[in-house]
Amino acid sequence: MTSETHAHGHELAAHAGEKPHPQARQYMMIAATLTIITVVEVAIFYIQPIKQSVAFAPTLLILSALKFALVVMFYMHLKFDPRLFSALFVAPLMIAAGIIVALLFLFGHLVL
């Protein structure tokens, strides 16, 4: 076994536990999806009946959360990392989201 073969075999073993990352085509599809969601968000902002409805803010929040999840999972490679990294990222995010929702309920009456 030559040193090149040994080094290559070691490199394969080091990456054996990793999940395969997406190819360029999948990244382009994700970028297209993000673009479409952004276009929908902008369109929603300019449609007056939707903008004046109760569903306006929740719709934009859901679309933004969807874009955030796509970016984190694929472009930050969180989907392909060990679950511990996902937990270390998602747990504080959920705490922050809970605090924001609680503050909205506590002080939402001040906006009206």
PDB file of N, CA and C in Angstrom:
ATOM      1  N   MET A   1       0.847  -1.169   0.000  1.00  0.00           N
ATOM      2  CA  MET A   1       0.000   0.000   0.000  1.00  0.00           C
ATOM      3  C   MET A   1       0.897   1.237   0.000  1.00  0.00           C
ATOM      4  N   THR A   2       0.730   2.099  -0.960  1.00  0.00           N
ATOM      5  CA  THR A   2       1.552   3.298  -1.052  1.00  0.00           C
ATOM      6  C   THR A   2       1.019   4.349  -0.092  1.00  0.00           C
ATOM      7  N   SER A   3       1.829   5.369   0.116  1.00  0.00           N
ATOM      8  CA  SER A   3       1.401   6.431   1.028  1.00  0.00           C
ATOM      9  C   SER A   3       0.208   7.191   0.457  1.00  0.00           C
ATOM     10  N   GLU A   4       0.130   7.300  -0.886  1.00  0.00           N
ATOM     11  CA  GLU A   4      -1.017   7.982  -1.489  1.00  0.00           C
ATOM     12  C   GLU A   4      -2.297   7.201  -1.247  1.00  0.00           C
ATOM     13  N   THR A   5      -2.228   5.873  -1.424  1.00  0.00           N
ATOM     14  CA  THR A   5      -3.400   5.040  -1.204  1.00  0.00           C
ATOM     15  C   THR A   5      -3.802   5.087   0.264  1.00  0.00           C
ATOM     16  N   HIS A   6      -2.818   5.012   1.139  1.00  0.00           N
ATOM     17  CA  HIS A   6      -3.096   5.063   2.570  1.00  0.00           C
ATOM     18  C   HIS A   6      -3.752   6.391   2.943  1.00  0.00           C
ATOM     19  N   ALA A   7      -3.222   7.480   2.444  1.00  0.00           N
ATOM     20  CA  ALA A   7      -3.780   8.803   2.749  1.00  0.00           C
ATOM     21  C   ALA A   7      -5.187   8.928   2.193  1.00  0.00           C
ATOM     22  N   HIS A   8      -5.405   8.412   0.978  1.00  0.00           N
ATOM     23  CA  HIS A   8      -6.727   8.504   0.363  1.00  0.00           C
ATOM     24  C   HIS A   8      -7.733   7.650   1.144  1.00  0.00           C
ATOM     25  N   GLY A   9      -7.302   6.453   1.562  1.00  0.00           N
ATOM     26  CA  GLY A   9      -8.172   5.585   2.348  1.00  0.00           C
ATOM     27  C   GLY A   9      -8.543   6.218   3.670  1.00  0.00           C
ATOM     28  N   HIS A  10      -7.593   6.897   4.297  1.00  0.00           N
ATOM     29  CA  HIS A  10      -7.849   7.596   5.561  1.00  0.00           C
ATOM     30  C   HIS A  10      -8.831   8.738   5.331  1.00  0.00           C
ATOM     31  N   GLU A  11      -8.681   9.438   4.210  1.00  0.00           N
ATOM     32  CA  GLU A  11      -9.569  10.548   3.898  1.00  0.00           C
ATOM     33  C   GLU A  11     -10.997  10.044   3.710  1.00  0.00           C
ATOM     34  N   LEU A  12     -11.153   8.898   3.045  1.00  0.00           N
ATOM     35  CA  LEU A  12     -12.479   8.330   2.859  1.00  0.00           C
ATOM     36  C   LEU A  12     -13.087   7.907   4.188  1.00  0.00           C
ATOM     37  N   ALA A  13     -12.281   7.345   5.063  1.00  0.00           N
ATOM     38  CA  ALA A  13     -12.786   6.915   6.373  1.00  0.00           C
ATOM     39  C   ALA A  13     -13.224   8.107   7.207  1.00  0.00           C
ATOM     40  N   ALA A  14     -12.512   9.218   7.087  1.00  0.00           N
ATOM     41  CA  ALA A  14     -12.861  10.408   7.860  1.00  0.00           C
ATOM     42  C   ALA A  14     -14.199  10.988   7.419  1.00  0.00           C
ATOM     43  N   HIS A  15     -14.541  10.805   6.155  1.00  0.00           N
ATOM     44  CA  HIS A  15     -15.781  11.359   5.622  1.00  0.00           C
ATOM     45  C   HIS A  15     -16.885  10.316   5.508  1.00  0.00           C
ATOM     46  N   ALA A  16     -16.645   9.112   5.991  1.00  0.00           N
ATOM     47  CA  ALA A  16     -17.634   8.043   5.855  1.00  0.00           C
ATOM     48  C   ALA A  16     -18.905   8.335   6.638  1.00  0.00           C
ATOM     49  N   GLY A  17     -18.799   9.001   7.778  1.00  0.00           N
ATOM     50  CA  GLY A  17     -19.964   9.285   8.601  1.00  0.00           C
ATOM     51  C   GLY A  17     -20.774  10.482   8.132  1.00  0.00           C
ATOM     52  N   GLU A  18     -20.268  11.239   7.194  1.00  0.00           N
ATOM     53  CA  GLU A  18     -20.966  12.426   6.723  1.00  0.00           C
ATOM     54  C   GLU A  18     -22.051  12.068   5.726  1.00  0.00           C
ATOM     55  N   LYS A  19     -23.098  12.851   5.735  1.00  0.00           N
ATOM     56  CA  LYS A  19     -24.141  12.709   4.728  1.00  0.00           C
ATOM     57  C   LYS A  19     -23.674  13.438   3.477  1.00  0.00           C
ATOM     58  N   PRO A  20     -24.064  12.969   2.304  1.00  0.00           N
ATOM     59  CA  PRO A  20     -23.636  13.650   1.079  1.00  0.00           C
ATOM     60  C   PRO A  20     -24.279  15.034   0.967  1.00  0.00           C
ATOM     61  N   HIS A  21     -23.508  15.990   0.550  1.00  0.00           N
ATOM     62  CA  HIS A  21     -24.004  17.356   0.384  1.00  0.00           C
ATOM     63  C   HIS A  21     -24.691  17.490  -0.967  1.00  0.00           C
ATOM     64  N   PRO A  22     -25.607  18.443  -1.098  1.00  0.00           N
ATOM     65  CA  PRO A  22     -26.314  18.628  -2.362  1.00  0.00           C
ATOM     66  C   PRO A  22     -25.363  19.044  -3.485  1.00  0.00           C
ATOM     67  N   GLN A  23     -25.769  18.747  -4.676  1.00  0.00           N
ATOM     68  CA  GLN A  23     -25.014  19.161  -5.852  1.00  0.00           C
ATOM     69  C   GLN A  23     -25.450  20.572  -6.243  1.00  0.00           C
ATOM     70  N   ALA A  24     -24.761  21.139  -7.212  1.00  0.00           N
ATOM     71  CA  ALA A  24     -25.034  22.515  -7.646  1.00  0.00           C
ATOM     72  C   ALA A  24     -26.475  22.681  -8.114  1.00  0.00           C
ATOM     73  N   ARG A  25     -27.028  21.663  -8.755  1.00  0.00           N
ATOM     74  CA  ARG A  25     -28.407  21.752  -9.257  1.00  0.00           C
ATOM     75  C   ARG A  25     -29.391  21.955  -8.096  1.00  0.00           C
ATOM     76  N   GLN A  26     -29.188  21.228  -7.012  1.00  0.00           N
ATOM     77  CA  GLN A  26     -30.083  21.373  -5.869  1.00  0.00           C
ATOM     78  C   GLN A  26     -29.939  22.754  -5.228  1.00  0.00           C
ATOM     79  N   TYR A  27     -28.719  23.275  -5.164  1.00  0.00           N
ATOM     80  CA  TYR A  27     -28.528  24.629  -4.640  1.00  0.00           C
ATOM     81  C   TYR A  27     -29.233  25.667  -5.519  1.00  0.00           C
ATOM     82  N   MET A  28     -29.227  25.443  -6.819  1.00  0.00           N
ATOM     83  CA  MET A  28     -29.928  26.365  -7.729  1.00  0.00           C
ATOM     84  C   MET A  28     -31.440  26.282  -7.514  1.00  0.00           C
ATOM     85  N   MET A  29     -31.955  25.082  -7.261  1.00  0.00           N
ATOM     86  CA  MET A  29     -33.378  24.926  -6.993  1.00  0.00           C
ATOM     87  C   MET A  29     -33.763  25.617  -5.678  1.00  0.00           C
ATOM     88  N   ILE A  30     -32.911  25.519  -4.687  1.00  0.00           N
ATOM     89  CA  ILE A  30     -33.167  26.184  -3.404  1.00  0.00           C
ATOM     90  C   ILE A  30     -33.135  27.700  -3.596  1.00  0.00           C
ATOM     91  N   ALA A  31     -32.170  28.189  -4.369  1.00  0.00           N
ATOM     92  CA  ALA A  31     -32.091  29.630  -4.650  1.00  0.00           C
ATOM     93  C   ALA A  31     -33.340  30.102  -5.386  1.00  0.00           C
ATOM     94  N   ALA A  32     -33.820  29.307  -6.332  1.00  0.00           N
ATOM     95  CA  ALA A  32     -35.040  29.666  -7.060  1.00  0.00           C
ATOM     96  C   ALA A  32     -36.242  29.690  -6.113  1.00  0.00           C
ATOM     97  N   THR A  33     -36.310  28.729  -5.208  1.00  0.00           N
ATOM     98  CA  THR A  33     -37.399  28.694  -4.220  1.00  0.00           C
ATOM     99  C   THR A  33     -37.352  29.919  -3.316  1.00  0.00           C
ATOM    100  N   LEU A  34     -36.157  30.277  -2.867  1.00  0.00           N
ATOM    101  CA  LEU A  34     -36.006  31.476  -2.033  1.00  0.00           C
ATOM    102  C   LEU A  34     -36.424  32.734  -2.786  1.00  0.00           C
ATOM    103  N   THR A  35     -36.089  32.795  -4.066  1.00  0.00           N
ATOM    104  CA  THR A  35     -36.476  33.943  -4.891  1.00  0.00           C
ATOM    105  C   THR A  35     -37.991  34.019  -5.036  1.00  0.00           C
ATOM    106  N   ILE A  36     -38.626  32.889  -5.277  1.00  0.00           N
ATOM    107  CA  ILE A  36     -40.084  32.865  -5.428  1.00  0.00           C
ATOM    108  C   ILE A  36     -40.760  33.289  -4.131  1.00  0.00           C
ATOM    109  N   ILE A  37     -40.284  32.798  -3.008  1.00  0.00           N
ATOM    110  CA  ILE A  37     -40.869  33.183  -1.720  1.00  0.00           C
ATOM    111  C   ILE A  37     -40.711  34.682  -1.493  1.00  0.00           C
ATOM    112  N   THR A  38     -39.553  35.228  -1.853  1.00  0.00           N
ATOM    113  CA  THR A  38     -39.326  36.673  -1.702  1.00  0.00           C
ATOM    114  C   THR A  38     -40.277  37.469  -2.583  1.00  0.00           C
ATOM    115  N   VAL A  39     -40.487  37.010  -3.813  1.00  0.00           N
ATOM    116  CA  VAL A  39     -41.423  37.689  -4.726  1.00  0.00           C
ATOM    117  C   VAL A  39     -42.836  37.658  -4.151  1.00  0.00           C
ATOM    118  N   VAL A  40     -43.233  36.523  -3.568  1.00  0.00           N
ATOM    119  CA  VAL A  40     -44.553  36.417  -2.945  1.00  0.00           C
ATOM    120  C   VAL A  40     -44.662  37.378  -1.762  1.00  0.00           C
ATOM    121  N   GLU A  41     -43.611  37.480  -0.966  1.00  0.00           N
ATOM    122  CA  GLU A  41     -43.622  38.412   0.173  1.00  0.00           C
ATOM    123  C   GLU A  41     -43.798  39.853  -0.293  1.00  0.00           C
ATOM    124  N   VAL A  42     -43.070  40.235  -1.319  1.00  0.00           N
ATOM    125  CA  VAL A  42     -43.183  41.599  -1.840  1.00  0.00           C
ATOM    126  C   VAL A  42     -44.565  41.832  -2.429  1.00  0.00           C
ATOM    127  N   ALA A  43     -45.092  40.847  -3.138  1.00  0.00           N
ATOM    128  CA  ALA A  43     -46.433  40.980  -3.720  1.00  0.00           C
ATOM    129  C   ALA A  43     -47.480  41.139  -2.632  1.00  0.00           C
ATOM    130  N   ILE A  44     -47.349  40.351  -1.574  1.00  0.00           N
ATOM    131  CA  ILE A  44     -48.297  40.451  -0.454  1.00  0.00           C
ATOM    132  C   ILE A  44     -48.269  41.853   0.143  1.00  0.00           C
ATOM    133  N   PHE A  45     -47.097  42.437   0.215  1.00  0.00           N
ATOM    134  CA  PHE A  45     -46.978  43.781   0.782  1.00  0.00           C
ATOM    135  C   PHE A  45     -47.733  44.818  -0.055  1.00  0.00           C
ATOM    136  N   TYR A  46     -47.780  44.629  -1.364  1.00  0.00           N
ATOM    137  CA  TYR A  46     -48.413  45.617  -2.239  1.00  0.00           C
ATOM    138  C   TYR A  46     -49.882  45.341  -2.519  1.00  0.00           C
ATOM    139  N   ILE A  47     -50.429  44.229  -2.089  1.00  0.00           N
ATOM    140  CA  ILE A  47     -51.851  43.939  -2.276  1.00  0.00           C
ATOM    141  C   ILE A  47     -52.599  44.476  -1.062  1.00  0.00           C
ATOM    142  N   GLN A  48     -53.334  45.569  -1.254  1.00  0.00           N
ATOM    143  CA  GLN A  48     -53.959  46.284  -0.141  1.00  0.00           C
ATOM    144  C   GLN A  48     -54.934  45.451   0.688  1.00  0.00           C
ATOM    145  N   PRO A  49     -55.829  44.645   0.067  1.00  0.00           N
ATOM    146  CA  PRO A  49     -56.748  43.863   0.919  1.00  0.00           C
ATOM    147  C   PRO A  49     -56.003  42.906   1.861  1.00  0.00           C
ATOM    148  N   ILE A  50     -54.912  42.319   1.392  1.00  0.00           N
ATOM    149  CA  ILE A  50     -54.137  41.424   2.247  1.00  0.00           C
ATOM    150  C   ILE A  50     -53.390  42.236   3.298  1.00  0.00           C
ATOM    151  N   LYS A  51     -52.849  43.370   2.877  1.00  0.00           N
ATOM    152  CA  LYS A  51     -52.064  44.208   3.794  1.00  0.00           C
ATOM    153  C   LYS A  51     -52.927  44.718   4.944  1.00  0.00           C
ATOM    154  N   GLN A  52     -54.198  44.926   4.695  1.00  0.00           N
ATOM    155  CA  GLN A  52     -55.082  45.437   5.735  1.00  0.00           C
ATOM    156  C   GLN A  52     -55.780  44.337   6.521  1.00  0.00           C
ATOM    157  N   SER A  53     -55.528  43.074   6.154  1.00  0.00           N
ATOM    158  CA  SER A  53     -56.193  41.973   6.847  1.00  0.00           C
ATOM    159  C   SER A  53     -55.389  41.524   8.061  1.00  0.00           C
ATOM    160  N   VAL A  54     -56.015  40.707   8.865  1.00  0.00           N
ATOM    161  CA  VAL A  54     -55.385  40.175  10.068  1.00  0.00           C
ATOM    162  C   VAL A  54     -54.299  39.159   9.692  1.00  0.00           C
ATOM    163  N   ALA A  55     -54.405  38.557   8.528  1.00  0.00           N
ATOM    164  CA  ALA A  55     -53.466  37.508   8.102  1.00  0.00           C
ATOM    165  C   ALA A  55     -52.159  38.067   7.546  1.00  0.00           C
ATOM    166  N   PHE A  56     -52.038  39.372   7.420  1.00  0.00           N
ATOM    167  CA  PHE A  56     -50.858  39.977   6.796  1.00  0.00           C
ATOM    168  C   PHE A  56     -49.562  39.625   7.533  1.00  0.00           C
ATOM    169  N   ALA A  57     -49.464  39.964   8.795  1.00  0.00           N
ATOM    170  CA  ALA A  57     -48.233  39.723   9.556  1.00  0.00           C
ATOM    171  C   ALA A  57     -47.939  38.229   9.732  1.00  0.00           C
ATOM    172  N   PRO A  58     -48.931  37.403  10.097  1.00  0.00           N
ATOM    173  CA  PRO A  58     -48.620  35.973  10.221  1.00  0.00           C
ATOM    174  C   PRO A  58     -48.140  35.344   8.907  1.00  0.00           C
ATOM    175  N   THR A  59     -48.718  35.773   7.794  1.00  0.00           N
ATOM    176  CA  THR A  59     -48.293  35.235   6.498  1.00  0.00           C
ATOM    177  C   THR A  59     -46.844  35.589   6.213  1.00  0.00           C
ATOM    178  N   LEU A  60     -46.470  36.838   6.447  1.00  0.00           N
ATOM    179  CA  LEU A  60     -45.085  37.243   6.215  1.00  0.00           C
ATOM    180  C   LEU A  60     -44.137  36.540   7.184  1.00  0.00           C
ATOM    181  N   LEU A  61     -44.558  36.348   8.420  1.00  0.00           N
ATOM    182  CA  LEU A  61     -43.726  35.646   9.392  1.00  0.00           C
ATOM    183  C   LEU A  61     -43.507  34.183   8.993  1.00  0.00           C
ATOM    184  N   ILE A  62     -44.546  33.532   8.508  1.00  0.00           N
ATOM    185  CA  ILE A  62     -44.423  32.135   8.077  1.00  0.00           C
ATOM    186  C   ILE A  62     -43.508  32.024   6.860  1.00  0.00           C
ATOM    187  N   LEU A  63     -43.674  32.920   5.898  1.00  0.00           N
ATOM    188  CA  LEU A  63     -42.811  32.894   4.711  1.00  0.00           C
ATOM    189  C   LEU A  63     -41.351  33.184   5.090  1.00  0.00           C
ATOM    190  N   SER A  64     -41.146  34.109   6.001  1.00  0.00           N
ATOM    191  CA  SER A  64     -39.785  34.417   6.449  1.00  0.00           C
ATOM    192  C   SER A  64     -39.172  33.233   7.192  1.00  0.00           C
ATOM    193  N   ALA A  65     -39.963  32.561   8.014  1.00  0.00           N
ATOM    194  CA  ALA A  65     -39.469  31.387   8.740  1.00  0.00           C
ATOM    195  C   ALA A  65     -39.113  30.270   7.769  1.00  0.00           C
ATOM    196  N   LEU A  66     -39.890  30.113   6.719  1.00  0.00           N
ATOM    197  CA  LEU A  66     -39.593  29.104   5.708  1.00  0.00           C
ATOM    198  C   LEU A  66     -38.272  29.407   5.001  1.00  0.00           C
ATOM    199  N   LYS A  67     -38.083  30.660   4.640  1.00  0.00           N
ATOM    200  CA  LYS A  67     -36.811  31.047   4.009  1.00  0.00           C
ATOM    201  C   LYS A  67     -35.647  30.845   4.976  1.00  0.00           C
ATOM    202  N   PHE A  68     -35.833  31.221   6.219  1.00  0.00           N
ATOM    203  CA  PHE A  68     -34.791  31.043   7.221  1.00  0.00           C
ATOM    204  C   PHE A  68     -34.407  29.569   7.348  1.00  0.00           C
ATOM    205  N   ALA A  69     -35.407  28.705   7.412  1.00  0.00           N
ATOM    206  CA  ALA A  69     -35.144  27.271   7.548  1.00  0.00           C
ATOM    207  C   ALA A  69     -34.380  26.735   6.342  1.00  0.00           C
ATOM    208  N   LEU A  70     -34.749  27.149   5.144  1.00  0.00           N
ATOM    209  CA  LEU A  70     -34.035  26.686   3.941  1.00  0.00           C
ATOM    210  C   LEU A  70     -32.582  27.135   3.952  1.00  0.00           C
ATOM    211  N   VAL A  71     -32.360  28.382   4.308  1.00  0.00           N
ATOM    212  CA  VAL A  71     -30.989  28.902   4.327  1.00  0.00           C
ATOM    213  C   VAL A  71     -30.147  28.176   5.374  1.00  0.00           C
ATOM    214  N   VAL A  72     -30.706  27.990   6.559  1.00  0.00           N
ATOM    215  CA  VAL A  72     -29.961  27.331   7.634  1.00  0.00           C
ATOM    216  C   VAL A  72     -29.678  25.869   7.284  1.00  0.00           C
ATOM    217  N   MET A  73     -30.674  25.170   6.764  1.00  0.00           N
ATOM    218  CA  MET A  73     -30.491  23.750   6.476  1.00  0.00           C
ATOM    219  C   MET A  73     -29.488  23.498   5.351  1.00  0.00           C
ATOM    220  N   PHE A  74     -29.563  24.285   4.297  1.00  0.00           N
ATOM    221  CA  PHE A  74     -28.751  23.965   3.132  1.00  0.00           C
ATOM    222  C   PHE A  74     -27.507  24.837   2.996  1.00  0.00           C
ATOM    223  N   TYR A  75     -27.645  26.151   3.067  1.00  0.00           N
ATOM    224  CA  TYR A  75     -26.484  27.005   2.845  1.00  0.00           C
ATOM    225  C   TYR A  75     -25.550  27.042   4.052  1.00  0.00           C
ATOM    226  N   MET A  76     -26.094  26.839   5.248  1.00  0.00           N
ATOM    227  CA  MET A  76     -25.241  26.751   6.431  1.00  0.00           C
ATOM    228  C   MET A  76     -24.910  25.294   6.753  1.00  0.00           C
ATOM    229  N   HIS A  77     -25.405  24.360   5.943  1.00  0.00           N
ATOM    230  CA  HIS A  77     -25.117  22.928   6.035  1.00  0.00           C
ATOM    231  C   HIS A  77     -25.560  22.306   7.353  1.00  0.00           C
ATOM    232  N   LEU A  78     -26.487  22.916   8.043  1.00  0.00           N
ATOM    233  CA  LEU A  78     -26.935  22.375   9.318  1.00  0.00           C
ATOM    234  C   LEU A  78     -27.640  21.037   9.138  1.00  0.00           C
ATOM    235  N   LYS A  79     -28.260  20.840   7.995  1.00  0.00           N
ATOM    236  CA  LYS A  79     -28.950  19.586   7.720  1.00  0.00           C
ATOM    237  C   LYS A  79     -27.969  18.411   7.656  1.00  0.00           C
ATOM    238  N   PHE A  80     -26.730  18.686   7.305  1.00  0.00           N
ATOM    239  CA  PHE A  80     -25.746  17.636   7.098  1.00  0.00           C
ATOM    240  C   PHE A  80     -24.792  17.470   8.286  1.00  0.00           C
ATOM    241  N   ASP A  81     -24.914  18.325   9.289  1.00  0.00           N
ATOM    242  CA  ASP A  81     -24.058  18.253  10.466  1.00  0.00           C
ATOM    243  C   ASP A  81     -24.679  17.322  11.503  1.00  0.00           C
ATOM    244  N   PRO A  82     -23.910  16.942  12.510  1.00  0.00           N
ATOM    245  CA  PRO A  82     -24.475  16.110  13.581  1.00  0.00           C
ATOM    246  C   PRO A  82     -25.634  16.805  14.290  1.00  0.00           C
ATOM    247  N   ARG A  83     -26.523  16.008  14.860  1.00  0.00           N
ATOM    248  CA  ARG A  83     -27.723  16.533  15.526  1.00  0.00           C
ATOM    249  C   ARG A  83     -27.387  17.487  16.676  1.00  0.00           C
ATOM    250  N   LEU A  84     -26.250  17.302  17.315  1.00  0.00           N
ATOM    251  CA  LEU A  84     -25.854  18.173  18.417  1.00  0.00           C
ATOM    252  C   LEU A  84     -25.744  19.619  17.947  1.00  0.00           C
ATOM    253  N   PHE A  85     -25.155  19.830  16.767  1.00  0.00           N
ATOM    254  CA  PHE A  85     -25.026  21.191  16.232  1.00  0.00           C
ATOM    255  C   PHE A  85     -26.403  21.784  15.944  1.00  0.00           C
ATOM    256  N   SER A  86     -27.296  20.961  15.435  1.00  0.00           N
ATOM    257  CA  SER A  86     -28.658  21.435  15.179  1.00  0.00           C
ATOM    258  C   SER A  86     -29.329  21.844  16.482  1.00  0.00           C
ATOM    259  N   ALA A  87     -29.159  21.025  17.510  1.00  0.00           N
ATOM    260  CA  ALA A  87     -29.769  21.341  18.805  1.00  0.00           C
ATOM    261  C   ALA A  87     -29.184  22.625  19.393  1.00  0.00           C
ATOM    262  N   LEU A  88     -27.870  22.800  19.260  1.00  0.00           N
ATOM    263  CA  LEU A  88     -27.227  24.008  19.782  1.00  0.00           C
ATOM    264  C   LEU A  88     -27.674  25.259  19.026  1.00  0.00           C
ATOM    265  N   PHE A  89     -28.125  25.102  17.808  1.00  0.00           N
ATOM    266  CA  PHE A  89     -28.603  26.235  17.028  1.00  0.00           C
ATOM    267  C   PHE A  89     -30.094  26.467  17.253  1.00  0.00           C
ATOM    268  N   VAL A  90     -30.871  25.380  17.251  1.00  0.00           N
ATOM    269  CA  VAL A  90     -32.326  25.498  17.288  1.00  0.00           C
ATOM    270  C   VAL A  90     -32.843  25.840  18.685  1.00  0.00           C
ATOM    271  N   ALA A  91     -32.242  25.290  19.737  1.00  0.00           N
ATOM    272  CA  ALA A  91     -32.736  25.530  21.098  1.00  0.00           C
ATOM    273  C   ALA A  91     -32.752  27.027  21.455  1.00  0.00           C
ATOM    274  N   PRO A  92     -31.650  27.765  21.280  1.00  0.00           N
ATOM    275  CA  PRO A  92     -31.712  29.202  21.578  1.00  0.00           C
ATOM    276  C   PRO A  92     -32.672  29.959  20.659  1.00  0.00           C
ATOM    277  N   LEU A  93     -32.781  29.488  19.432  1.00  0.00           N
ATOM    278  CA  LEU A  93     -33.726  30.118  18.501  1.00  0.00           C
ATOM    279  C   LEU A  93     -35.160  29.969  18.991  1.00  0.00           C
ATOM    280  N   MET A  94     -35.507  28.785  19.484  1.00  0.00           N
ATOM    281  CA  MET A  94     -36.851  28.556  20.010  1.00  0.00           C
ATOM    282  C   MET A  94     -37.101  29.382  21.275  1.00  0.00           C
ATOM    283  N   ILE A  95     -36.103  29.518  22.114  1.00  0.00           N
ATOM    284  CA  ILE A  95     -36.234  30.353  23.313  1.00  0.00           C
ATOM    285  C   ILE A  95     -36.481  31.804  22.909  1.00  0.00           C
ATOM    286  N   ALA A  96     -35.712  32.294  21.950  1.00  0.00           N
ATOM    287  CA  ALA A  96     -35.888  33.670  21.482  1.00  0.00           C
ATOM    288  C   ALA A  96     -37.263  33.866  20.855  1.00  0.00           C
ATOM    289  N   ALA A  97     -37.712  32.902  20.055  1.00  0.00           N
ATOM    290  CA  ALA A  97     -39.034  33.006  19.425  1.00  0.00           C
ATOM    291  C   ALA A  97     -40.127  33.013  20.496  1.00  0.00           C
ATOM    292  N   GLY A  98     -39.978  32.193  21.523  1.00  0.00           N
ATOM    293  CA  GLY A  98     -40.952  32.175  22.614  1.00  0.00           C
ATOM    294  C   GLY A  98     -41.013  33.499  23.348  1.00  0.00           C
ATOM    295  N   ILE A  99     -39.856  34.101  23.573  1.00  0.00           N
ATOM    296  CA  ILE A  99     -39.813  35.402  24.241  1.00  0.00           C
ATOM    297  C   ILE A  99     -40.484  36.470  23.384  1.00  0.00           C
ATOM    298  N   ILE A 100     -40.224  36.433  22.087  1.00  0.00           N
ATOM    299  CA  ILE A 100     -40.833  37.420  21.182  1.00  0.00           C
ATOM    300  C   ILE A 100     -42.347  37.272  21.168  1.00  0.00           C
ATOM    301  N   VAL A 101     -42.831  36.031  21.079  1.00  0.00           N
ATOM    302  CA  VAL A 101     -44.280  35.802  21.088  1.00  0.00           C
ATOM    303  C   VAL A 101     -44.883  36.254  22.410  1.00  0.00           C
ATOM    304  N   ALA A 102     -44.217  35.968  23.515  1.00  0.00           N
ATOM    305  CA  ALA A 102     -44.717  36.402  24.826  1.00  0.00           C
ATOM    306  C   ALA A 102     -44.785  37.927  24.908  1.00  0.00           C
ATOM    307  N   LEU A 103     -43.753  38.590  24.397  1.00  0.00           N
ATOM    308  CA  LEU A 103     -43.760  40.058  24.400  1.00  0.00           C
ATOM    309  C   LEU A 103     -44.863  40.625  23.508  1.00  0.00           C
ATOM    310  N   LEU A 104     -45.113  39.958  22.386  1.00  0.00           N
ATOM    311  CA  LEU A 104     -46.208  40.401  21.513  1.00  0.00           C
ATOM    312  C   LEU A 104     -47.554  40.297  22.234  1.00  0.00           C
ATOM    313  N   PHE A 105     -47.751  39.212  22.976  1.00  0.00           N
ATOM    314  CA  PHE A 105     -49.003  39.073  23.726  1.00  0.00           C
ATOM    315  C   PHE A 105     -49.087  40.071  24.872  1.00  0.00           C
ATOM    316  N   LEU A 106     -47.964  40.324  25.522  1.00  0.00           N
ATOM    317  CA  LEU A 106     -47.971  41.245  26.657  1.00  0.00           C
ATOM    318  C   LEU A 106     -48.172  42.694  26.236  1.00  0.00           C
ATOM    319  N   PHE A 107     -47.518  43.091  25.163  1.00  0.00           N
ATOM    320  CA  PHE A 107     -47.533  44.506  24.779  1.00  0.00           C
ATOM    321  C   PHE A 107     -48.234  44.772  23.455  1.00  0.00           C
ATOM    322  N   GLY A 108     -48.931  43.781  22.910  1.00  0.00           N
ATOM    323  CA  GLY A 108     -49.615  43.951  21.631  1.00  0.00           C
ATOM    324  C   GLY A 108     -50.717  44.986  21.685  1.00  0.00           C
ATOM    325  N   HIS A 109     -51.336  45.146  22.812  1.00  0.00           N
ATOM    326  CA  HIS A 109     -52.408  46.127  22.956  1.00  0.00           C
ATOM    327  C   HIS A 109     -51.890  47.556  22.782  1.00  0.00           C
ATOM    328  N   LEU A 110     -50.636  47.794  22.998  1.00  0.00           N
ATOM    329  CA  LEU A 110     -50.080  49.144  22.863  1.00  0.00           C
ATOM    330  C   LEU A 110     -49.991  49.593  21.394  1.00  0.00           C
ATOM    331  N   VAL A 111     -49.962  48.629  20.476  1.00  0.00           N
ATOM    332  CA  VAL A 111     -49.839  48.961  19.061  1.00  0.00           C
ATOM    333  C   VAL A 111     -51.164  49.444  18.496  1.00  0.00           C
ATOM    334  N   LEU A 112     -52.251  48.894  19.001  1.00  0.00           N
ATOM    335  CA  LEU A 112     -53.570  49.266  18.485  1.00  0.00           C
ATOM    336  C   LEU A 112     -53.880  50.636  18.896  1.00  0.00           C
TER     337      LEU A 112
END
